[in-house]
C-alpha atoms as a PDB file:
ATOM      1  CA  MET A   1      91.719 -72.643  -8.099  1.00  0.00           C
ATOM      2  CA  SER A   2      89.858 -70.223 -10.294  1.00  0.00           C
ATOM      3  CA  GLN A   3      86.997 -70.992 -12.629  1.00  0.00           C
ATOM      4  CA  LYS A   4      86.587 -69.557 -16.061  1.00  0.00           C
ATOM      5  CA  CYS A   5      83.594 -67.395 -16.782  1.00  0.00           C
ATOM      6  CA  ASP A   6      82.339 -70.196 -19.040  1.00  0.00           C
ATOM      7  CA  GLY A   7      81.625 -72.423 -16.044  1.00  0.00           C
ATOM      8  CA  PRO A   8      83.351 -75.341 -14.402  1.00  0.00           C
ATOM      9  CA  TYR A   9      82.232 -77.989 -16.909  1.00  0.00           C
ATOM     10  CA  ARG A  10      83.378 -76.510 -20.185  1.00  0.00           C
ATOM     11  CA  ALA A  11      83.754 -79.424 -22.626  1.00  0.00           C
ATOM     12  CA  GLN A  12      86.234 -79.661 -25.464  1.00  0.00           C
ATOM     13  CA  ALA A  13      84.888 -78.979 -28.954  1.00  0.00           C
ATOM     14  CA  ASP A  14      85.471 -82.541 -30.167  1.00  0.00           C
ATOM     15  CA  SER A  15      83.877 -84.232 -27.145  1.00  0.00           C
ATOM     16  CA  VAL A  16      80.328 -82.905 -27.578  1.00  0.00           C
ATOM     17  CA  PRO A  17      77.832 -85.733 -28.231  1.00  0.00           C
ATOM     18  CA  TRP A  18      75.646 -83.906 -30.747  1.00  0.00           C
ATOM     19  CA  ALA A  19      73.519 -86.887 -31.824  1.00  0.00           C
ATOM     20  CA  ALA A  20      72.639 -88.020 -28.313  1.00  0.00           C
ATOM     21  CA  GLY A  21      72.205 -84.445 -27.097  1.00  0.00           C
ATOM     22  CA  GLY A  22      69.993 -83.529 -30.037  1.00  0.00           C
ATOM     23  CA  THR A  23      67.821 -86.562 -29.356  1.00  0.00           C
ATOM     24  CA  VAL A  24      67.436 -85.529 -25.724  1.00  0.00           C
ATOM     25  CA  VAL A  25      66.561 -81.962 -26.733  1.00  0.00           C
ATOM     26  CA  VAL A  26      63.877 -83.117 -29.190  1.00  0.00           C
ATOM     27  CA  LEU A  27      62.277 -85.604 -26.789  1.00  0.00           C
ATOM     28  CA  VAL A  28      62.245 -83.196 -23.844  1.00  0.00           C
ATOM     29  CA  ALA A  29      60.896 -80.413 -26.077  1.00  0.00           C
ATOM     30  CA  LEU A  30      58.059 -82.562 -27.397  1.00  0.00           C
ATOM     31  CA  LEU A  31      57.029 -84.029 -24.051  1.00  0.00           C
ATOM     32  CA  GLY A  32      57.443 -80.761 -22.204  1.00  0.00           C
ATOM     33  CA  GLY A  33      55.672 -78.784 -24.907  1.00  0.00           C
ATOM     34  CA  VAL A  34      52.626 -81.029 -24.655  1.00  0.00           C
ATOM     35  CA  ALA A  35      52.669 -80.657 -20.864  1.00  0.00           C
ATOM     36  CA  VAL A  36      52.971 -76.862 -20.992  1.00  0.00           C
ATOM     37  CA  TYR A  37      50.195 -76.652 -23.585  1.00  0.00           C
ATOM     38  CA  ALA A  38      47.876 -78.929 -21.583  1.00  0.00           C
ATOM     39  CA  PHE A  39      48.526 -76.995 -18.390  1.00  0.00           C
ATOM     40  CA  ALA A  40      48.006 -73.621 -20.075  1.00  0.00           C
ATOM     41  CA  SER A  41      44.825 -74.811 -21.797  1.00  0.00           C
ATOM     42  CA  ALA A  42      43.362 -76.144 -18.568  1.00  0.00           C
ATOM     43  CA  LEU A  43      44.122 -72.918 -16.735  1.00  0.00           C
ATOM     44  CA  ALA A  44      42.827 -70.812 -19.630  1.00  0.00           C
ATOM     45  CA  ALA A  45      39.510 -72.645 -19.382  1.00  0.00           C
ATOM     46  CA  VAL A  46      39.229 -71.302 -15.830  1.00  0.00           C
ATOM     47  CA  ASN A  47      40.698 -67.833 -16.367  1.00  0.00           C
ATOM     48  CA  ALA A  48      43.010 -66.560 -19.107  1.00  0.00           C
ATOM     49  CA  LEU A  49      44.833 -64.121 -16.834  1.00  0.00           C
ATOM     50  CA  LEU A  50      45.421 -66.903 -14.325  1.00  0.00           C
ATOM     51  CA  ALA A  51      46.982 -69.039 -17.060  1.00  0.00           C
ATOM     52  CA  ILE A  52      49.312 -66.235 -18.111  1.00  0.00           C
ATOM     53  CA  ALA A  53      50.298 -65.363 -14.543  1.00  0.00           C
ATOM     54  CA  VAL A  54      51.010 -68.948 -13.469  1.00  0.00           C
ATOM     55  CA  ASN A  55      53.040 -69.717 -16.590  1.00  0.00           C
ATOM     56  CA  VAL A  56      55.124 -66.563 -16.265  1.00  0.00           C
ATOM     57  CA  VAL A  57      55.747 -67.136 -12.542  1.00  0.00           C
ATOM     58  CA  ALA A  58      56.794 -70.739 -13.217  1.00  0.00           C
ATOM     59  CA  ALA A  59      59.174 -69.759 -16.023  1.00  0.00           C
ATOM     60  CA  VAL A  60      60.729 -66.916 -14.026  1.00  0.00           C
ATOM     61  CA  GLY A  61      61.071 -69.165 -10.990  1.00  0.00           C
ATOM     62  CA  VAL A  62      62.940 -71.859 -12.901  1.00  0.00           C
ATOM     63  CA  ALA A  63      65.217 -69.465 -14.792  1.00  0.00           C
ATOM     64  CA  PRO A  64      67.884 -68.885 -12.082  1.00  0.00           C
ATOM     65  CA  THR A  65      68.413 -72.607 -11.514  1.00  0.00           C
ATOM     66  CA  ALA A  66      68.515 -73.311 -15.230  1.00  0.00           C
ATOM     67  CA  TRP A  67      71.062 -70.526 -15.686  1.00  0.00           C
ATOM     68  CA  ARG A  68      73.339 -72.055 -13.038  1.00  0.00           C
ATOM     69  CA  TRP A  69      73.108 -75.554 -14.552  1.00  0.00           C
ATOM     70  CA  ARG A  70      73.618 -74.544 -18.195  1.00  0.00           C
ATOM     71  CA  PHE A  71      77.199 -75.865 -18.444  1.00  0.00           C
ATOM     72  CA  THR A  72      76.703 -79.216 -16.700  1.00  0.00           C
ATOM     73  CA  PRO A  73      77.415 -81.839 -19.402  1.00  0.00           C
ATOM     74  CA  VAL A  74      74.156 -83.824 -19.449  1.00  0.00           C
ATOM     75  CA  VAL A  75      71.796 -81.282 -17.911  1.00  0.00           C
ATOM     76  CA  ARG A  76      72.500 -78.669 -20.592  1.00  0.00           C
ATOM     77  CA  TRP A  77      70.686 -80.820 -23.182  1.00  0.00           C
ATOM     78  CA  VAL A  78      67.677 -81.240 -20.911  1.00  0.00           C
ATOM     79  CA  LEU A  79      67.610 -77.501 -20.233  1.00  0.00           C
ATOM     80  CA  ALA A  80      67.723 -76.708 -23.947  1.00  0.00           C
ATOM     81  CA  GLY A  81      64.786 -79.040 -24.500  1.00  0.00           C
ATOM     82  CA  ALA A  82      62.887 -77.541 -21.576  1.00  0.00           C
ATOM     83  CA  ALA A  83      63.410 -74.011 -22.888  1.00  0.00           C
ATOM     84  CA  ALA A  84      62.163 -75.088 -26.312  1.00  0.00           C
ATOM     85  CA  ALA A  85      59.214 -76.839 -24.633  1.00  0.00           C
ATOM     86  CA  VAL A  86      58.113 -73.663 -22.881  1.00  0.00           C
ATOM     87  CA  VAL A  87      58.279 -71.678 -26.092  1.00  0.00           C
ATOM     88  CA  LEU A  88      56.461 -74.362 -28.124  1.00  0.00           C
ATOM     89  CA  GLY A  89      53.806 -74.873 -25.451  1.00  0.00           C
ATOM     90  CA  TRP A  90      53.126 -71.158 -25.167  1.00  0.00           C
ATOM     91  CA  LEU A  91      52.928 -70.764 -28.956  1.00  0.00           C
ATOM     92  CA  ALA A  92      50.517 -73.700 -29.218  1.00  0.00           C
ATOM     93  CA  ALA A  93      48.364 -72.262 -26.445  1.00  0.00           C
ATOM     94  CA  ILE A  94      48.307 -68.816 -28.062  1.00  0.00           C
ATOM     95  CA  ILE A  95      47.433 -70.281 -31.455  1.00  0.00           C
ATOM     96  CA  SER A  96      44.630 -72.370 -29.952  1.00  0.00           C
ATOM     97  CA  VAL A  97      43.182 -69.276 -28.233  1.00  0.00           C
ATOM     98  CA  ILE A  98      43.339 -67.209 -31.422  1.00  0.00           C
ATOM     99  CA  SER A  99      41.759 -69.897 -33.607  1.00  0.00           C
END
């Protein structure tokens, strides 16, 4: 029993639930983005370098698990939203520091 390099849960092209998955991505991105921004802002109020270090360590720590789960049918949508949340939260935090 060998697995493809695509992962064990490779779905067929016509069985992808784009509407439901897109909804999950948007909701997770919005909620997670607010959480990442709030966390980064609170840490930046204490020390800016601490905020950067903790956010980078958290993102790097989660990356291997997210990479392993990227082909699981439901989890892949949550992971896409979480990745977008980190990017949006960091951009919002950077913009708020610059302004």
